[in-house]
PDB file of N, CA and C in Angstrom:
ATOM      1  N   MET A   1     -12.820  22.885   3.049  1.00  0.00           N
ATOM      2  CA  MET A   1     -12.162  22.122   3.115  1.00  0.00           C
ATOM      3  C   MET A   1     -11.008  23.470   2.668  1.00  0.00           C
ATOM      4  N   GLU A   2      -9.657  24.044   3.460  1.00  0.00           N
ATOM      5  CA  GLU A   2      -8.926  25.180   2.657  1.00  0.00           C
ATOM      6  C   GLU A   2      -7.315  24.895   2.798  1.00  0.00           C
ATOM      7  N   ASN A   3      -7.079  23.649   2.926  1.00  0.00           N
ATOM      8  CA  ASN A   3      -6.207  23.109   2.501  1.00  0.00           C
ATOM      9  C   ASN A   3      -5.740  22.674   1.127  1.00  0.00           C
ATOM     10  N   ASN A   4      -5.922  23.124   0.333  1.00  0.00           N
ATOM     11  CA  ASN A   4      -5.685  23.062  -0.844  1.00  0.00           C
ATOM     12  C   ASN A   4      -4.787  23.057  -1.556  1.00  0.00           C
ATOM     13  N   LEU A   5      -4.172  21.493  -2.360  1.00  0.00           N
ATOM     14  CA  LEU A   5      -3.077  21.696  -2.923  1.00  0.00           C
ATOM     15  C   LEU A   5      -2.892  22.146  -4.428  1.00  0.00           C
ATOM     16  N   THR A   6      -1.962  22.755  -4.917  1.00  0.00           N
ATOM     17  CA  THR A   6      -1.954  23.055  -6.408  1.00  0.00           C
ATOM     18  C   THR A   6      -2.091  21.758  -7.152  1.00  0.00           C
ATOM     19  N   TRP A   7      -2.027  21.596  -8.656  1.00  0.00           N
ATOM     20  CA  TRP A   7      -1.626  21.133  -9.475  1.00  0.00           C
ATOM     21  C   TRP A   7      -0.207  20.286  -9.678  1.00  0.00           C
ATOM     22  N   GLU A   8       0.525  20.927  -9.392  1.00  0.00           N
ATOM     23  CA  GLU A   8       2.037  20.790  -9.235  1.00  0.00           C
ATOM     24  C   GLU A   8       2.123  19.867  -8.392  1.00  0.00           C
ATOM     25  N   GLU A   9       1.536  20.521  -6.953  1.00  0.00           N
ATOM     26  CA  GLU A   9       1.843  19.279  -6.231  1.00  0.00           C
ATOM     27  C   GLU A   9       1.357  17.952  -5.499  1.00  0.00           C
ATOM     28  N   PHE A  10       0.209  18.045  -6.415  1.00  0.00           N
ATOM     29  CA  PHE A  10      -0.398  16.456  -6.229  1.00  0.00           C
ATOM     30  C   PHE A  10       0.730  15.343  -7.384  1.00  0.00           C
ATOM     31  N   GLU A  11       0.862  16.500  -8.929  1.00  0.00           N
ATOM     32  CA  GLU A  11       1.950  15.580  -9.573  1.00  0.00           C
ATOM     33  C   GLU A  11       2.581  14.955  -8.565  1.00  0.00           C
ATOM     34  N   LYS A  12       3.573  15.958  -7.318  1.00  0.00           N
ATOM     35  CA  LYS A  12       4.860  15.117  -7.021  1.00  0.00           C
ATOM     36  C   LYS A  12       4.787  13.816  -6.333  1.00  0.00           C
ATOM     37  N   VAL A  13       3.407  13.409  -5.661  1.00  0.00           N
ATOM     38  CA  VAL A  13       2.676  12.286  -4.993  1.00  0.00           C
ATOM     39  C   VAL A  13       2.537  11.133  -5.991  1.00  0.00           C
ATOM     40  N   GLU A  14       3.636  10.398  -5.995  1.00  0.00           N
ATOM     41  CA  GLU A  14       3.591   8.915  -6.761  1.00  0.00           C
ATOM     42  C   GLU A  14       2.898   7.491  -6.188  1.00  0.00           C
ATOM     43  N   LEU A  15       1.164   8.071  -7.158  1.00  0.00           N
ATOM     44  CA  LEU A  15       0.843   7.052  -6.972  1.00  0.00           C
ATOM     45  C   LEU A  15       0.625   6.006  -7.347  1.00  0.00           C
ATOM     46  N   ARG A  16       0.826   4.734  -6.931  1.00  0.00           N
ATOM     47  CA  ARG A  16       1.582   3.476  -8.668  1.00  0.00           C
ATOM     48  C   ARG A  16       0.309   1.823  -8.045  1.00  0.00           C
ATOM     49  N   ALA A  17       0.492   1.786  -9.041  1.00  0.00           N
ATOM     50  CA  ALA A  17      -0.306   0.268  -9.270  1.00  0.00           C
ATOM     51  C   ALA A  17       0.532  -1.145  -8.850  1.00  0.00           C
ATOM     52  N   GLY A  18       0.619  -1.647  -8.275  1.00  0.00           N
ATOM     53  CA  GLY A  18       1.283  -2.315  -7.930  1.00  0.00           C
ATOM     54  C   GLY A  18       0.904  -3.866  -7.524  1.00  0.00           C
ATOM     55  N   THR A  19       0.964  -4.892  -7.796  1.00  0.00           N
ATOM     56  CA  THR A  19       0.241  -6.592  -7.269  1.00  0.00           C
ATOM     57  C   THR A  19       1.263  -6.800  -6.331  1.00  0.00           C
ATOM     58  N   ILE A  20       0.256  -7.543  -4.954  1.00  0.00           N
ATOM     59  CA  ILE A  20       0.617  -8.111  -4.224  1.00  0.00           C
ATOM     60  C   ILE A  20       1.376  -9.635  -4.617  1.00  0.00           C
ATOM     61  N   ILE A  21       2.591  -9.480  -4.297  1.00  0.00           N
ATOM     62  CA  ILE A  21       2.795 -10.899  -4.488  1.00  0.00           C
ATOM     63  C   ILE A  21       3.967 -11.971  -3.469  1.00  0.00           C
ATOM     64  N   LYS A  22       3.548 -11.476  -2.595  1.00  0.00           N
ATOM     65  CA  LYS A  22       4.460 -12.632  -0.931  1.00  0.00           C
ATOM     66  C   LYS A  22       3.347 -11.680  -0.103  1.00  0.00           C
ATOM     67  N   VAL A  23       3.024 -12.036   1.353  1.00  0.00           N
ATOM     68  CA  VAL A  23       2.550 -11.390   2.469  1.00  0.00           C
ATOM     69  C   VAL A  23       2.984 -13.168   3.746  1.00  0.00           C
ATOM     70  N   GLU A  24       3.294 -11.960   4.817  1.00  0.00           N
ATOM     71  CA  GLU A  24       3.293 -12.931   5.625  1.00  0.00           C
ATOM     72  C   GLU A  24       2.991 -11.742   7.372  1.00  0.00           C
ATOM     73  N   ALA A  25       2.452 -12.714   8.447  1.00  0.00           N
ATOM     74  CA  ALA A  25       2.266 -12.313   9.859  1.00  0.00           C
ATOM     75  C   ALA A  25       2.975 -11.236  10.033  1.00  0.00           C
ATOM     76  N   PHE A  26       3.378 -10.255  11.357  1.00  0.00           N
ATOM     77  CA  PHE A  26       3.804  -9.390  11.128  1.00  0.00           C
ATOM     78  C   PHE A  26       3.485  -9.514  12.904  1.00  0.00           C
ATOM     79  N   PRO A  27       4.224 -10.465  13.598  1.00  0.00           N
ATOM     80  CA  PRO A  27       3.201 -10.271  15.423  1.00  0.00           C
ATOM     81  C   PRO A  27       4.232  -9.424  16.028  1.00  0.00           C
ATOM     82  N   GLU A  28       5.676  -8.914  15.298  1.00  0.00           N
ATOM     83  CA  GLU A  28       5.847  -8.236  16.448  1.00  0.00           C
ATOM     84  C   GLU A  28       6.218  -6.725  15.910  1.00  0.00           C
ATOM     85  N   ALA A  29       4.746  -6.392  15.109  1.00  0.00           N
ATOM     86  CA  ALA A  29       3.742  -4.747  15.319  1.00  0.00           C
ATOM     87  C   ALA A  29       3.542  -4.605  16.113  1.00  0.00           C
ATOM     88  N   ARG A  30       3.182  -3.504  16.823  1.00  0.00           N
ATOM     89  CA  ARG A  30       2.233  -3.252  18.071  1.00  0.00           C
ATOM     90  C   ARG A  30       1.197  -3.405  18.031  1.00  0.00           C
ATOM     91  N   ARG A  31       0.661  -2.561  16.186  1.00  0.00           N
ATOM     92  CA  ARG A  31      -0.852  -3.283  16.008  1.00  0.00           C
ATOM     93  C   ARG A  31      -0.366  -4.046  15.233  1.00  0.00           C
ATOM     94  N   PRO A  32      -1.706  -5.182  15.335  1.00  0.00           N
ATOM     95  CA  PRO A  32      -1.948  -5.973  13.600  1.00  0.00           C
ATOM     96  C   PRO A  32      -1.493  -5.615  12.723  1.00  0.00           C
ATOM     97  N   ALA A  33      -0.427  -6.470  11.947  1.00  0.00           N
ATOM     98  CA  ALA A  33      -0.443  -5.904  10.457  1.00  0.00           C
ATOM     99  C   ALA A  33       0.151  -7.403   9.887  1.00  0.00           C
ATOM    100  N   TYR A  34       0.308  -6.553   8.007  1.00  0.00           N
ATOM    101  CA  TYR A  34       1.407  -7.791   7.738  1.00  0.00           C
ATOM    102  C   TYR A  34       1.787  -6.800   7.001  1.00  0.00           C
ATOM    103  N   LYS A  35       3.371  -7.922   6.599  1.00  0.00           N
ATOM    104  CA  LYS A  35       4.178  -7.359   5.920  1.00  0.00           C
ATOM    105  C   LYS A  35       3.985  -8.234   4.798  1.00  0.00           C
ATOM    106  N   LEU A  36       3.733  -7.014   3.489  1.00  0.00           N
ATOM    107  CA  LEU A  36       3.416  -7.295   2.095  1.00  0.00           C
ATOM    108  C   LEU A  36       4.474  -6.800   0.921  1.00  0.00           C
ATOM    109  N   TRP A  37       4.921  -7.305   0.207  1.00  0.00           N
ATOM    110  CA  TRP A  37       5.901  -7.365  -0.385  1.00  0.00           C
ATOM    111  C   TRP A  37       5.024  -7.417  -2.213  1.00  0.00           C
ATOM    112  N   VAL A  38       5.241  -6.151  -3.114  1.00  0.00           N
ATOM    113  CA  VAL A  38       4.385  -5.429  -4.115  1.00  0.00           C
ATOM    114  C   VAL A  38       5.207  -4.823  -5.183  1.00  0.00           C
ATOM    115  N   ASP A  39       5.001  -5.933  -6.164  1.00  0.00           N
ATOM    116  CA  ASP A  39       5.947  -5.530  -7.619  1.00  0.00           C
ATOM    117  C   ASP A  39       4.359  -4.250  -7.487  1.00  0.00           C
ATOM    118  N   PHE A  40       6.022  -3.754  -8.566  1.00  0.00           N
ATOM    119  CA  PHE A  40       5.541  -2.263  -8.848  1.00  0.00           C
ATOM    120  C   PHE A  40       5.972  -2.371 -10.534  1.00  0.00           C
ATOM    121  N   GLY A  41       6.557  -3.247 -11.124  1.00  0.00           N
ATOM    122  CA  GLY A  41       6.755  -3.635 -12.369  1.00  0.00           C
ATOM    123  C   GLY A  41       8.224  -2.440 -12.351  1.00  0.00           C
ATOM    124  N   PRO A  42       8.335  -1.478 -13.263  1.00  0.00           N
ATOM    125  CA  PRO A  42      10.033  -1.279 -13.768  1.00  0.00           C
ATOM    126  C   PRO A  42      10.565  -0.398 -11.924  1.00  0.00           C
ATOM    127  N   LEU A  43       9.708  -0.084 -11.362  1.00  0.00           N
ATOM    128  CA  LEU A  43      10.202   0.332  -9.790  1.00  0.00           C
ATOM    129  C   LEU A  43      10.882  -0.707  -9.050  1.00  0.00           C
ATOM    130  N   GLY A  44      10.541  -2.138  -8.917  1.00  0.00           N
ATOM    131  CA  GLY A  44      10.779  -3.337  -8.797  1.00  0.00           C
ATOM    132  C   GLY A  44       9.865  -3.677  -7.700  1.00  0.00           C
ATOM    133  N   ILE A  45      10.433  -4.730  -6.780  1.00  0.00           N
ATOM    134  CA  ILE A  45       9.251  -4.915  -5.904  1.00  0.00           C
ATOM    135  C   ILE A  45       9.972  -4.207  -4.366  1.00  0.00           C
ATOM    136  N   LYS A  46       8.866  -4.061  -3.532  1.00  0.00           N
ATOM    137  CA  LYS A  46       8.909  -2.913  -3.021  1.00  0.00           C
ATOM    138  C   LYS A  46       8.373  -4.169  -1.545  1.00  0.00           C
ATOM    139  N   LYS A  47       8.725  -3.402  -0.407  1.00  0.00           N
ATOM    140  CA  LYS A  47       8.148  -3.795   1.028  1.00  0.00           C
ATOM    141  C   LYS A  47       7.438  -2.982   1.657  1.00  0.00           C
ATOM    142  N   SER A  48       6.133  -3.108   2.461  1.00  0.00           N
ATOM    143  CA  SER A  48       5.273  -2.353   3.323  1.00  0.00           C
ATOM    144  C   SER A  48       4.566  -2.947   4.468  1.00  0.00           C
ATOM    145  N   SER A  49       4.264  -2.610   5.498  1.00  0.00           N
ATOM    146  CA  SER A  49       3.495  -2.876   6.794  1.00  0.00           C
ATOM    147  C   SER A  49       1.854  -2.467   6.557  1.00  0.00           C
ATOM    148  N   ALA A  50       1.416  -3.104   6.361  1.00  0.00           N
ATOM    149  CA  ALA A  50      -0.205  -2.656   6.937  1.00  0.00           C
ATOM    150  C   ALA A  50      -1.204  -3.116   7.587  1.00  0.00           C
ATOM    151  N   GLN A  51      -1.789  -2.398   8.224  1.00  0.00           N
ATOM    152  CA  GLN A  51      -2.666  -2.553   9.374  1.00  0.00           C
ATOM    153  C   GLN A  51      -3.809  -3.296   8.861  1.00  0.00           C
ATOM    154  N   ILE A  52      -4.003  -4.327   7.986  1.00  0.00           N
ATOM    155  CA  ILE A  52      -5.412  -4.699   6.981  1.00  0.00           C
ATOM    156  C   ILE A  52      -5.825  -6.095   8.074  1.00  0.00           C
ATOM    157  N   THR A  53      -5.140  -6.052   8.973  1.00  0.00           N
ATOM    158  CA  THR A  53      -6.151  -7.404   9.107  1.00  0.00           C
ATOM    159  C   THR A  53      -7.289  -8.233   9.597  1.00  0.00           C
ATOM    160  N   LEU A  54      -8.119  -6.685  10.144  1.00  0.00           N
ATOM    161  CA  LEU A  54      -9.516  -6.909  10.512  1.00  0.00           C
ATOM    162  C   LEU A  54     -10.364  -7.398   9.338  1.00  0.00           C
ATOM    163  N   ALA A  55      -9.898  -7.029   8.165  1.00  0.00           N
ATOM    164  CA  ALA A  55     -10.415  -6.968   6.898  1.00  0.00           C
ATOM    165  C   ALA A  55      -9.843  -8.374   5.891  1.00  0.00           C
ATOM    166  N   TYR A  56      -9.139  -8.498   5.892  1.00  0.00           N
ATOM    167  CA  TYR A  56      -8.610  -9.084   5.266  1.00  0.00           C
ATOM    168  C   TYR A  56      -7.682 -10.693   5.314  1.00  0.00           C
ATOM    169  N   ASP A  57      -7.707 -11.786   5.475  1.00  0.00           N
ATOM    170  CA  ASP A  57      -7.064 -12.847   5.436  1.00  0.00           C
ATOM    171  C   ASP A  57      -5.714 -13.325   4.689  1.00  0.00           C
ATOM    172  N   LEU A  58      -4.415 -13.516   5.099  1.00  0.00           N
ATOM    173  CA  LEU A  58      -3.461 -13.321   4.370  1.00  0.00           C
ATOM    174  C   LEU A  58      -3.590 -14.060   3.319  1.00  0.00           C
ATOM    175  N   GLU A  59      -4.374 -15.214   2.856  1.00  0.00           N
ATOM    176  CA  GLU A  59      -4.325 -15.917   1.869  1.00  0.00           C
ATOM    177  C   GLU A  59      -5.273 -15.704   0.940  1.00  0.00           C
ATOM    178  N   GLU A  60      -5.914 -14.068   0.962  1.00  0.00           N
ATOM    179  CA  GLU A  60      -6.885 -13.906  -0.430  1.00  0.00           C
ATOM    180  C   GLU A  60      -6.181 -12.340  -0.473  1.00  0.00           C
ATOM    181  N   LEU A  61      -4.928 -12.139  -0.069  1.00  0.00           N
ATOM    182  CA  LEU A  61      -4.439 -10.572  -0.664  1.00  0.00           C
ATOM    183  C   LEU A  61      -3.524 -11.534  -1.339  1.00  0.00           C
ATOM    184  N   VAL A  62      -2.581 -12.186  -1.830  1.00  0.00           N
ATOM    185  CA  VAL A  62      -1.902 -11.833  -3.087  1.00  0.00           C
ATOM    186  C   VAL A  62      -2.558 -12.210  -4.390  1.00  0.00           C
ATOM    187  N   GLY A  63      -2.165 -11.615  -5.391  1.00  0.00           N
ATOM    188  CA  GLY A  63      -2.976 -11.632  -6.563  1.00  0.00           C
ATOM    189  C   GLY A  63      -3.364 -10.305  -6.695  1.00  0.00           C
ATOM    190  N   LYS A  64      -4.093  -9.920  -5.677  1.00  0.00           N
ATOM    191  CA  LYS A  64      -4.708  -8.129  -5.504  1.00  0.00           C
ATOM    192  C   LYS A  64      -3.363  -6.690  -6.095  1.00  0.00           C
ATOM    193  N   GLN A  65      -4.470  -6.286  -7.253  1.00  0.00           N
ATOM    194  CA  GLN A  65      -3.388  -4.998  -7.245  1.00  0.00           C
ATOM    195  C   GLN A  65      -3.757  -4.137  -6.815  1.00  0.00           C
ATOM    196  N   ILE A  66      -3.150  -3.375  -5.849  1.00  0.00           N
ATOM    197  CA  ILE A  66      -3.673  -2.174  -5.240  1.00  0.00           C
ATOM    198  C   ILE A  66      -2.769  -0.966  -5.756  1.00  0.00           C
ATOM    199  N   VAL A  67      -3.183   0.274  -4.609  1.00  0.00           N
ATOM    200  CA  VAL A  67      -2.498   1.804  -4.815  1.00  0.00           C
ATOM    201  C   VAL A  67      -1.321   1.788  -3.878  1.00  0.00           C
ATOM    202  N   GLY A  68      -0.487   2.170  -4.082  1.00  0.00           N
ATOM    203  CA  GLY A  68       0.854   2.668  -3.107  1.00  0.00           C
ATOM    204  C   GLY A  68       1.395   3.800  -3.156  1.00  0.00           C
ATOM    205  N   VAL A  69       1.764   4.851  -2.763  1.00  0.00           N
ATOM    206  CA  VAL A  69       2.416   5.772  -2.555  1.00  0.00           C
ATOM    207  C   VAL A  69       4.182   5.405  -2.848  1.00  0.00           C
ATOM    208  N   VAL A  70       4.742   5.397  -3.250  1.00  0.00           N
ATOM    209  CA  VAL A  70       6.922   5.120  -3.813  1.00  0.00           C
ATOM    210  C   VAL A  70       7.276   5.900  -3.400  1.00  0.00           C
ATOM    211  N   ASN A  71       6.590   7.480  -2.983  1.00  0.00           N
ATOM    212  CA  ASN A  71       8.469   8.330  -3.081  1.00  0.00           C
ATOM    213  C   ASN A  71       7.998   8.984  -1.961  1.00  0.00           C
ATOM    214  N   PHE A  72       7.790   8.345  -0.395  1.00  0.00           N
ATOM    215  CA  PHE A  72       8.193   8.975   0.537  1.00  0.00           C
ATOM    216  C   PHE A  72       8.769   8.258   0.763  1.00  0.00           C
ATOM    217  N   PRO A  73       9.860   9.065   2.124  1.00  0.00           N
ATOM    218  CA  PRO A  73      11.198   8.082   2.566  1.00  0.00           C
ATOM    219  C   PRO A  73      10.844   6.990   3.467  1.00  0.00           C
ATOM    220  N   LYS A  74      11.731   5.883   3.324  1.00  0.00           N
ATOM    221  CA  LYS A  74      11.678   4.387   3.841  1.00  0.00           C
ATOM    222  C   LYS A  74      11.483   4.657   5.270  1.00  0.00           C
ATOM    223  N   LYS A  75      10.823   3.634   6.113  1.00  0.00           N
ATOM    224  CA  LYS A  75      10.218   4.116   7.470  1.00  0.00           C
ATOM    225  C   LYS A  75      10.551   3.024   7.934  1.00  0.00           C
ATOM    226  N   GLN A  76      11.152   3.411   8.935  1.00  0.00           N
ATOM    227  CA  GLN A  76      11.255   1.647  10.043  1.00  0.00           C
ATOM    228  C   GLN A  76      10.509   1.763  11.206  1.00  0.00           C
ATOM    229  N   ILE A  77       9.438   0.295  10.941  1.00  0.00           N
ATOM    230  CA  ILE A  77       8.547  -0.469  11.648  1.00  0.00           C
ATOM    231  C   ILE A  77       8.955  -1.220  12.511  1.00  0.00           C
ATOM    232  N   GLY A  78       9.518  -1.173  13.601  1.00  0.00           N
ATOM    233  CA  GLY A  78       9.807  -2.141  14.302  1.00  0.00           C
ATOM    234  C   GLY A  78      11.340  -2.705  13.352  1.00  0.00           C
ATOM    235  N   THR A  79      11.075  -4.143  13.473  1.00  0.00           N
ATOM    236  CA  THR A  79      11.748  -4.827  12.800  1.00  0.00           C
ATOM    237  C   THR A  79      11.954  -4.710  11.232  1.00  0.00           C
ATOM    238  N   TRP A  80      11.397  -3.897  10.844  1.00  0.00           N
ATOM    239  CA  TRP A  80      10.900  -4.050   9.371  1.00  0.00           C
ATOM    240  C   TRP A  80      11.063  -2.520   8.960  1.00  0.00           C
ATOM    241  N   MET A  81      12.345  -2.428   7.374  1.00  0.00           N
ATOM    242  CA  MET A  81      11.422  -0.912   6.532  1.00  0.00           C
ATOM    243  C   MET A  81      10.709  -1.291   5.798  1.00  0.00           C
ATOM    244  N   SER A  82       9.959  -0.076   5.892  1.00  0.00           N
ATOM    245  CA  SER A  82       8.538  -0.126   5.057  1.00  0.00           C
ATOM    246  C   SER A  82       9.390   1.122   3.667  1.00  0.00           C
ATOM    247  N   GLU A  83       8.881   0.126   2.473  1.00  0.00           N
ATOM    248  CA  GLU A  83       9.173   1.074   1.278  1.00  0.00           C
ATOM    249  C   GLU A  83       7.971   1.769   0.815  1.00  0.00           C
ATOM    250  N   PHE A  84       6.873   1.567   0.931  1.00  0.00           N
ATOM    251  CA  PHE A  84       6.267   2.854   0.637  1.00  0.00           C
ATOM    252  C   PHE A  84       4.787   2.355   0.928  1.00  0.00           C
ATOM    253  N   LEU A  85       3.958   3.490   0.883  1.00  0.00           N
ATOM    254  CA  LEU A  85       2.286   3.332   2.039  1.00  0.00           C
ATOM    255  C   LEU A  85       1.482   3.462   0.876  1.00  0.00           C
ATOM    256  N   VAL A  86       0.875   1.743   1.597  1.00  0.00           N
ATOM    257  CA  VAL A  86       0.079   1.231   1.254  1.00  0.00           C
ATOM    258  C   VAL A  86      -1.543   2.273   1.603  1.00  0.00           C
ATOM    259  N   THR A  87      -2.392   2.429   0.471  1.00  0.00           N
ATOM    260  CA  THR A  87      -3.704   3.509   0.395  1.00  0.00           C
ATOM    261  C   THR A  87      -4.731   2.427   1.103  1.00  0.00           C
ATOM    262  N   GLY A  88      -5.352   3.158   1.617  1.00  0.00           N
ATOM    263  CA  GLY A  88      -6.404   2.160   1.986  1.00  0.00           C
ATOM    264  C   GLY A  88      -7.769   3.635   2.795  1.00  0.00           C
ATOM    265  N   PHE A  89      -8.922   2.822   3.279  1.00  0.00           N
ATOM    266  CA  PHE A  89     -10.042   3.667   3.915  1.00  0.00           C
ATOM    267  C   PHE A  89     -10.319   2.960   4.652  1.00  0.00           C
ATOM    268  N   GLU A  90     -10.663   3.591   5.859  1.00  0.00           N
ATOM    269  CA  GLU A  90     -11.330   2.766   7.625  1.00  0.00           C
ATOM    270  C   GLU A  90     -12.444   2.986   6.818  1.00  0.00           C
ATOM    271  N   ASP A  91     -13.208   1.864   7.475  1.00  0.00           N
ATOM    272  CA  ASP A  91     -14.768   1.470   6.937  1.00  0.00           C
ATOM    273  C   ASP A  91     -15.491   1.715   8.384  1.00  0.00           C
ATOM    274  N   GLU A  92     -16.804   1.659   8.793  1.00  0.00           N
ATOM    275  CA  GLU A  92     -17.198   2.110   9.919  1.00  0.00           C
ATOM    276  C   GLU A  92     -17.303   1.201  10.739  1.00  0.00           C
ATOM    277  N   ASN A  93     -16.274   0.058  11.070  1.00  0.00           N
ATOM    278  CA  ASN A  93     -15.950  -0.541  12.304  1.00  0.00           C
ATOM    279  C   ASN A  93     -14.408  -0.931  12.893  1.00  0.00           C
ATOM    280  N   GLY A  94     -14.078   0.297  11.668  1.00  0.00           N
ATOM    281  CA  GLY A  94     -12.322   0.953  12.026  1.00  0.00           C
ATOM    282  C   GLY A  94     -11.575   0.154  11.071  1.00  0.00           C
ATOM    283  N   ALA A  95     -12.152  -1.002  10.324  1.00  0.00           N
ATOM    284  CA  ALA A  95     -11.260  -1.699   9.177  1.00  0.00           C
ATOM    285  C   ALA A  95     -10.510  -0.816   8.182  1.00  0.00           C
ATOM    286  N   ILE A  96      -9.091  -1.276   8.259  1.00  0.00           N
ATOM    287  CA  ILE A  96      -8.748  -0.519   6.401  1.00  0.00           C
ATOM    288  C   ILE A  96      -9.066  -1.505   5.647  1.00  0.00           C
ATOM    289  N   ILE A  97      -9.966  -0.855   4.461  1.00  0.00           N
ATOM    290  CA  ILE A  97     -10.234  -1.900   3.080  1.00  0.00           C
ATOM    291  C   ILE A  97      -8.833  -0.997   2.024  1.00  0.00           C
ATOM    292  N   LEU A  98      -7.982  -1.919   1.725  1.00  0.00           N
ATOM    293  CA  LEU A  98      -7.209  -1.443   0.743  1.00  0.00           C
ATOM    294  C   LEU A  98      -7.554  -0.944  -0.662  1.00  0.00           C
ATOM    295  N   SER A  99      -7.169   0.160  -1.297  1.00  0.00           N
ATOM    296  CA  SER A  99      -7.392   0.713  -2.341  1.00  0.00           C
ATOM    297  C   SER A  99      -7.174   0.001  -3.728  1.00  0.00           C
ATOM    298  N   LYS A 100      -7.803  -0.920  -4.396  1.00  0.00           N
ATOM    299  CA  LYS A 100      -7.634  -1.999  -5.300  1.00  0.00           C
ATOM    300  C   LYS A 100      -7.818  -0.857  -6.647  1.00  0.00           C
ATOM    301  N   ILE A 101      -7.988  -1.416  -7.301  1.00  0.00           N
ATOM    302  CA  ILE A 101      -7.804  -1.442  -8.613  1.00  0.00           C
ATOM    303  C   ILE A 101      -8.538  -2.480  -9.105  1.00  0.00           C
ATOM    304  N   ASP A 102      -9.909  -1.973 -10.284  1.00  0.00           N
ATOM    305  CA  ASP A 102     -10.624  -2.773 -10.393  1.00  0.00           C
ATOM    306  C   ASP A 102     -10.467  -3.622 -11.589  1.00  0.00           C
ATOM    307  N   LYS A 103      -9.631  -3.358 -12.370  1.00  0.00           N
ATOM    308  CA  LYS A 103      -9.386  -3.734 -14.072  1.00  0.00           C
ATOM    309  C   LYS A 103      -8.134  -4.113 -13.799  1.00  0.00           C
ATOM    310  N   PRO A 104      -7.224  -4.669 -14.345  1.00  0.00           N
ATOM    311  CA  PRO A 104      -5.833  -4.917 -14.291  1.00  0.00           C
ATOM    312  C   PRO A 104      -5.058  -3.376 -15.128  1.00  0.00           C
ATOM    313  N   VAL A 105      -4.066  -3.432 -14.806  1.00  0.00           N
ATOM    314  CA  VAL A 105      -3.372  -1.561 -15.231  1.00  0.00           C
ATOM    315  C   VAL A 105      -1.695  -2.543 -15.200  1.00  0.00           C
ATOM    316  N   PRO A 106      -1.174  -1.909 -15.857  1.00  0.00           N
ATOM    317  CA  PRO A 106       0.797  -2.319 -15.736  1.00  0.00           C
ATOM    318  C   PRO A 106       0.701  -2.048 -14.806  1.00  0.00           C
ATOM    319  N   ASN A 107       1.181  -2.940 -13.927  1.00  0.00           N
ATOM    320  CA  ASN A 107       2.461  -2.883 -12.226  1.00  0.00           C
ATOM    321  C   ASN A 107       3.380  -1.243 -12.441  1.00  0.00           C
ATOM    322  N   GLY A 108       3.162  -0.387 -11.969  1.00  0.00           N
ATOM    323  CA  GLY A 108       3.964   0.800 -11.817  1.00  0.00           C
ATOM    324  C   GLY A 108       3.510   1.636 -12.835  1.00  0.00           C
ATOM    325  N   SER A 109       2.310   1.329 -13.081  1.00  0.00           N
ATOM    326  CA  SER A 109       1.234   2.430 -13.266  1.00  0.00           C
ATOM    327  C   SER A 109       0.739   3.550 -12.636  1.00  0.00           C
ATOM    328  N   LYS A 110       0.888   4.605 -13.115  1.00  0.00           N
ATOM    329  CA  LYS A 110       0.935   6.000 -12.219  1.00  0.00           C
ATOM    330  C   LYS A 110      -0.533   6.745 -12.282  1.00  0.00           C
ATOM    331  N   LEU A 111      -1.339   6.758 -10.964  1.00  0.00           N
ATOM    332  CA  LEU A 111      -2.181   7.390 -11.076  1.00  0.00           C
ATOM    333  C   LEU A 111      -2.339   8.502 -11.823  1.00  0.00           C
ATOM    334  N   LYS A 112      -3.684   9.471 -12.444  1.00  0.00           N
ATOM    335  CA  LYS A 112      -3.415   9.966 -13.460  1.00  0.00           C
ATOM    336  C   LYS A 112      -4.907  10.580 -13.236  1.00  0.00           C
TER     337      LYS A 112
END
């Protein structure tokens, strides 16, 4: 891959730890998605949508600590204003698997 970033460019991306505190269905989304509210500690509670319905049920998401990009501009998704980008990876079946943290860290911690 030839499109290399400098360290200074990478440091501008605010990848932060946050805990999912609320989840709702998002039936008006064009593609199946959930509405998420995530506690980013000193950065506050931010909301986003995530197309993770193939891999997760609503009930299992609350309390999971995830990684989000918090310094992109807000984005209107239908009737919903997304305030951060939920990160994840696509599996072999096309389901998005969340980028999760395996041991607790303080909400709002920046990826190092």
